[in-house]
Each structure stands twice: as C-alpha cells, then as structure tokens.
Amino acid sequence: MTTGNSETLHRLLKKQTSDLHEKAHQIAYINSLLKNNIPLESYVGHLRAFAIIYGTLEHQISTTKHSEIKDFMEGYT
C-alpha cells in the first residue's frame, strides 16, 4: 500500500469512528484499560479476544473476491 493511501484511509477511518471512540471511552472497562488500571488477567483476555478478531479479519481480507479490496491491499503485507 502506498503511504498516501494509508494516510488517507487512516484519516477517513478516524473521522468516521470518532463518535464511537468517544462513546467507548465512557465505558468503565475501556476507561480503566486506557488508564492502565485493569488486572493483568483482564488485559491478557482482551489481547486474546482481539487476536481472534484480527485473525478472522485478515483471513477474510486475504480471501476476498472484491477487486477494489485486492487492489488496495496489494503490497500492504
């Protein structure tokens, strides 16, 4: 992926998700997580859950038949 595409995508995603991030920061768990104020076991569980989610997303992206996504992701890895 070229740097220009990456920066554009980053700005677009940030703009489109800013309201959701603000709402998420009001959730007690997320607020504590951001302040590094949760038990280690909770943090490990959080990372494990995200590993499953990201692994699934990466698989779906790698096997997509949508040419737009393939073109965008070309050279990203």
N, C-alpha and C. Protein backbone atom coordinates (compact mmCIF):
# COMPACT_ATOMS: atom_id res chain seq x y z
N MET A 1 0.85 -1.15 0.00
CA MET A 1 0.00 0.00 0.00
C MET A 1 0.90 1.23 0.00
N THR A 2 0.54 2.22 -0.74
CA THR A 2 1.35 3.42 -0.75
C THR A 2 1.08 4.24 0.50
N THR A 3 2.03 5.07 0.85
CA THR A 3 1.88 5.90 2.04
C THR A 3 0.68 6.81 1.91
N GLY A 4 0.47 7.37 0.73
CA GLY A 4 -0.67 8.26 0.51
C GLY A 4 -2.00 7.58 0.78
N ASN A 5 -2.17 6.35 0.27
CA ASN A 5 -3.40 5.61 0.53
C ASN A 5 -3.56 5.32 2.01
N SER A 6 -2.47 4.98 2.66
CA SER A 6 -2.50 4.65 4.08
C SER A 6 -2.94 5.86 4.90
N GLU A 7 -2.35 7.01 4.61
CA GLU A 7 -2.70 8.22 5.36
C GLU A 7 -4.14 8.63 5.10
N THR A 8 -4.59 8.51 3.85
CA THR A 8 -5.96 8.86 3.51
C THR A 8 -6.94 7.93 4.23
N LEU A 9 -6.67 6.64 4.19
CA LEU A 9 -7.53 5.67 4.87
C LEU A 9 -7.55 5.95 6.36
N HIS A 10 -6.39 6.22 6.95
CA HIS A 10 -6.31 6.49 8.38
C HIS A 10 -7.17 7.70 8.74
N ARG A 11 -7.07 8.77 7.99
CA ARG A 11 -7.88 9.98 8.28
C ARG A 11 -9.36 9.69 8.12
N LEU A 12 -9.73 8.96 7.08
CA LEU A 12 -11.13 8.63 6.84
C LEU A 12 -11.69 7.77 7.97
N LEU A 13 -10.96 6.74 8.36
CA LEU A 13 -11.42 5.88 9.46
C LEU A 13 -11.52 6.66 10.77
N LYS A 14 -10.55 7.51 11.02
CA LYS A 14 -10.56 8.31 12.25
C LYS A 14 -11.79 9.22 12.29
N LYS A 15 -12.08 9.86 11.17
CA LYS A 15 -13.23 10.76 11.10
C LYS A 15 -14.54 10.00 11.29
N GLN A 16 -14.65 8.85 10.63
CA GLN A 16 -15.90 8.10 10.67
C GLN A 16 -16.14 7.37 11.99
N THR A 17 -15.10 7.16 12.77
CA THR A 17 -15.26 6.42 14.03
C THR A 17 -15.06 7.29 15.27
N SER A 18 -14.86 8.58 15.10
CA SER A 18 -14.55 9.43 16.26
C SER A 18 -15.69 9.43 17.29
N ASP A 19 -16.94 9.46 16.84
CA ASP A 19 -18.06 9.44 17.79
C ASP A 19 -18.10 8.12 18.57
N LEU A 20 -17.83 7.01 17.88
CA LEU A 20 -17.82 5.71 18.55
C LEU A 20 -16.70 5.63 19.58
N HIS A 21 -15.54 6.20 19.25
CA HIS A 21 -14.43 6.19 20.19
C HIS A 21 -14.77 7.01 21.44
N GLU A 22 -15.39 8.15 21.25
CA GLU A 22 -15.79 8.96 22.41
C GLU A 22 -16.75 8.19 23.31
N LYS A 23 -17.72 7.51 22.71
CA LYS A 23 -18.68 6.72 23.50
C LYS A 23 -17.98 5.56 24.19
N ALA A 24 -17.05 4.91 23.50
CA ALA A 24 -16.33 3.78 24.09
C ALA A 24 -15.51 4.22 25.29
N HIS A 25 -14.94 5.41 25.24
CA HIS A 25 -14.12 5.91 26.35
C HIS A 25 -14.95 6.16 27.60
N GLN A 26 -16.26 6.21 27.46
CA GLN A 26 -17.14 6.39 28.62
C GLN A 26 -17.47 5.07 29.31
N ILE A 27 -17.16 3.96 28.67
CA ILE A 27 -17.40 2.64 29.26
C ILE A 27 -16.33 2.41 30.34
N ALA A 28 -16.76 2.00 31.51
CA ALA A 28 -15.85 1.87 32.65
C ALA A 28 -14.64 0.98 32.32
N TYR A 29 -14.87 -0.16 31.68
CA TYR A 29 -13.75 -1.06 31.37
C TYR A 29 -12.74 -0.39 30.44
N ILE A 30 -13.23 0.22 29.39
CA ILE A 30 -12.35 0.87 28.41
C ILE A 30 -11.60 2.02 29.07
N ASN A 31 -12.29 2.78 29.88
CA ASN A 31 -11.66 3.89 30.60
C ASN A 31 -10.53 3.36 31.48
N SER A 32 -10.78 2.29 32.20
CA SER A 32 -9.74 1.69 33.05
C SER A 32 -8.60 1.12 32.21
N LEU A 33 -8.94 0.50 31.10
CA LEU A 33 -7.92 -0.05 30.20
C LEU A 33 -6.99 1.06 29.71
N LEU A 34 -7.56 2.17 29.29
CA LEU A 34 -6.77 3.29 28.78
C LEU A 34 -5.89 3.92 29.86
N LYS A 35 -6.33 3.79 31.11
CA LYS A 35 -5.55 4.33 32.23
C LYS A 35 -4.59 3.29 32.80
N ASN A 36 -4.53 2.12 32.13
CA ASN A 36 -3.66 1.03 32.58
C ASN A 36 -4.00 0.62 34.01
N ASN A 37 -5.31 0.52 34.26
CA ASN A 37 -5.78 0.24 35.61
C ASN A 37 -6.72 -0.97 35.61
N ILE A 38 -6.27 -2.06 34.98
CA ILE A 38 -7.04 -3.30 35.00
C ILE A 38 -6.10 -4.44 35.38
N PRO A 39 -6.66 -5.53 35.91
CA PRO A 39 -5.81 -6.66 36.26
C PRO A 39 -5.14 -7.25 35.02
N LEU A 40 -3.97 -7.80 35.20
CA LEU A 40 -3.22 -8.40 34.11
C LEU A 40 -4.04 -9.47 33.39
N GLU A 41 -4.79 -10.25 34.13
CA GLU A 41 -5.61 -11.31 33.54
C GLU A 41 -6.65 -10.73 32.58
N SER A 42 -7.23 -9.60 32.93
CA SER A 42 -8.20 -8.95 32.04
C SER A 42 -7.53 -8.45 30.77
N TYR A 43 -6.34 -7.89 30.92
CA TYR A 43 -5.61 -7.39 29.76
C TYR A 43 -5.23 -8.54 28.82
N VAL A 44 -4.79 -9.66 29.38
CA VAL A 44 -4.43 -10.82 28.57
C VAL A 44 -5.67 -11.34 27.84
N GLY A 45 -6.79 -11.41 28.51
CA GLY A 45 -8.03 -11.84 27.87
C GLY A 45 -8.44 -10.91 26.74
N HIS A 46 -8.24 -9.62 26.97
CA HIS A 46 -8.55 -8.61 25.96
C HIS A 46 -7.69 -8.84 24.71
N LEU A 47 -6.40 -9.06 24.91
CA LEU A 47 -5.49 -9.30 23.79
C LEU A 47 -5.85 -10.59 23.05
N ARG A 48 -6.21 -11.63 23.79
CA ARG A 48 -6.60 -12.89 23.15
C ARG A 48 -7.84 -12.72 22.28
N ALA A 49 -8.82 -11.97 22.79
CA ALA A 49 -10.04 -11.73 22.02
C ALA A 49 -9.73 -10.96 20.74
N PHE A 50 -8.90 -9.94 20.85
CA PHE A 50 -8.53 -9.17 19.66
C PHE A 50 -7.72 -10.01 18.67
N ALA A 51 -6.90 -10.92 19.15
CA ALA A 51 -6.13 -11.79 18.26
C ALA A 51 -7.07 -12.64 17.40
N ILE A 52 -8.14 -13.13 18.01
CA ILE A 52 -9.12 -13.93 17.28
C ILE A 52 -9.83 -13.06 16.24
N ILE A 53 -10.24 -11.88 16.65
CA ILE A 53 -10.93 -10.96 15.73
C ILE A 53 -10.03 -10.57 14.56
N TYR A 54 -8.82 -10.15 14.86
CA TYR A 54 -7.90 -9.72 13.79
C TYR A 54 -7.53 -10.88 12.87
N GLY A 55 -7.34 -12.06 13.43
CA GLY A 55 -7.03 -13.22 12.60
C GLY A 55 -8.15 -13.52 11.62
N THR A 56 -9.38 -13.42 12.08
CA THR A 56 -10.54 -13.64 11.22
C THR A 56 -10.63 -12.57 10.14
N LEU A 57 -10.43 -11.32 10.53
CA LEU A 57 -10.47 -10.23 9.55
C LEU A 57 -9.38 -10.38 8.50
N GLU A 58 -8.17 -10.70 8.93
CA GLU A 58 -7.07 -10.88 7.99
C GLU A 58 -7.37 -12.01 7.01
N HIS A 59 -7.95 -13.09 7.50
CA HIS A 59 -8.30 -14.20 6.62
C HIS A 59 -9.35 -13.76 5.60
N GLN A 60 -10.36 -13.06 6.05
CA GLN A 60 -11.42 -12.61 5.14
C GLN A 60 -10.86 -11.66 4.08
N ILE A 61 -9.98 -10.77 4.48
CA ILE A 61 -9.38 -9.84 3.52
C ILE A 61 -8.51 -10.59 2.52
N SER A 62 -7.77 -11.57 2.99
CA SER A 62 -6.85 -12.30 2.10
C SER A 62 -7.59 -13.18 1.11
N THR A 63 -8.82 -13.55 1.40
CA THR A 63 -9.57 -14.43 0.50
C THR A 63 -10.70 -13.71 -0.23
N THR A 64 -10.74 -12.38 -0.15
CA THR A 64 -11.82 -11.64 -0.78
C THR A 64 -11.77 -11.74 -2.30
N LYS A 65 -12.91 -11.63 -2.90
CA LYS A 65 -13.00 -11.65 -4.36
C LYS A 65 -13.26 -10.24 -4.90
N HIS A 66 -13.33 -9.26 -4.01
CA HIS A 66 -13.58 -7.87 -4.42
C HIS A 66 -12.29 -7.24 -4.92
N SER A 67 -12.29 -6.88 -6.17
CA SER A 67 -11.06 -6.35 -6.78
C SER A 67 -10.60 -5.05 -6.12
N GLU A 68 -11.54 -4.24 -5.65
CA GLU A 68 -11.16 -2.98 -5.01
C GLU A 68 -10.33 -3.23 -3.76
N ILE A 69 -10.73 -4.21 -2.98
CA ILE A 69 -10.00 -4.53 -1.75
C ILE A 69 -8.65 -5.16 -2.10
N LYS A 70 -8.64 -6.05 -3.08
CA LYS A 70 -7.38 -6.67 -3.51
C LYS A 70 -6.39 -5.61 -3.99
N ASP A 71 -6.89 -4.68 -4.81
CA ASP A 71 -6.02 -3.61 -5.32
C ASP A 71 -5.49 -2.74 -4.19
N PHE A 72 -6.36 -2.43 -3.24
CA PHE A 72 -5.96 -1.58 -2.12
C PHE A 72 -4.92 -2.27 -1.25
N MET A 73 -5.10 -3.57 -1.03
CA MET A 73 -4.22 -4.32 -0.14
C MET A 73 -2.93 -4.77 -0.81
N GLU A 74 -2.84 -4.65 -2.13
CA GLU A 74 -1.64 -5.10 -2.84
C GLU A 74 -0.41 -4.38 -2.31
N GLY A 75 0.55 -5.15 -1.91
CA GLY A 75 1.80 -4.58 -1.39
C GLY A 75 1.71 -4.14 0.06
N TYR A 76 0.58 -4.34 0.71
CA TYR A 76 0.42 -3.91 2.10
C TYR A 76 1.22 -4.78 3.06
N THR A 77 1.21 -6.09 2.81
CA THR A 77 1.87 -7.01 3.72
C THR A 77 3.31 -6.98 3.47
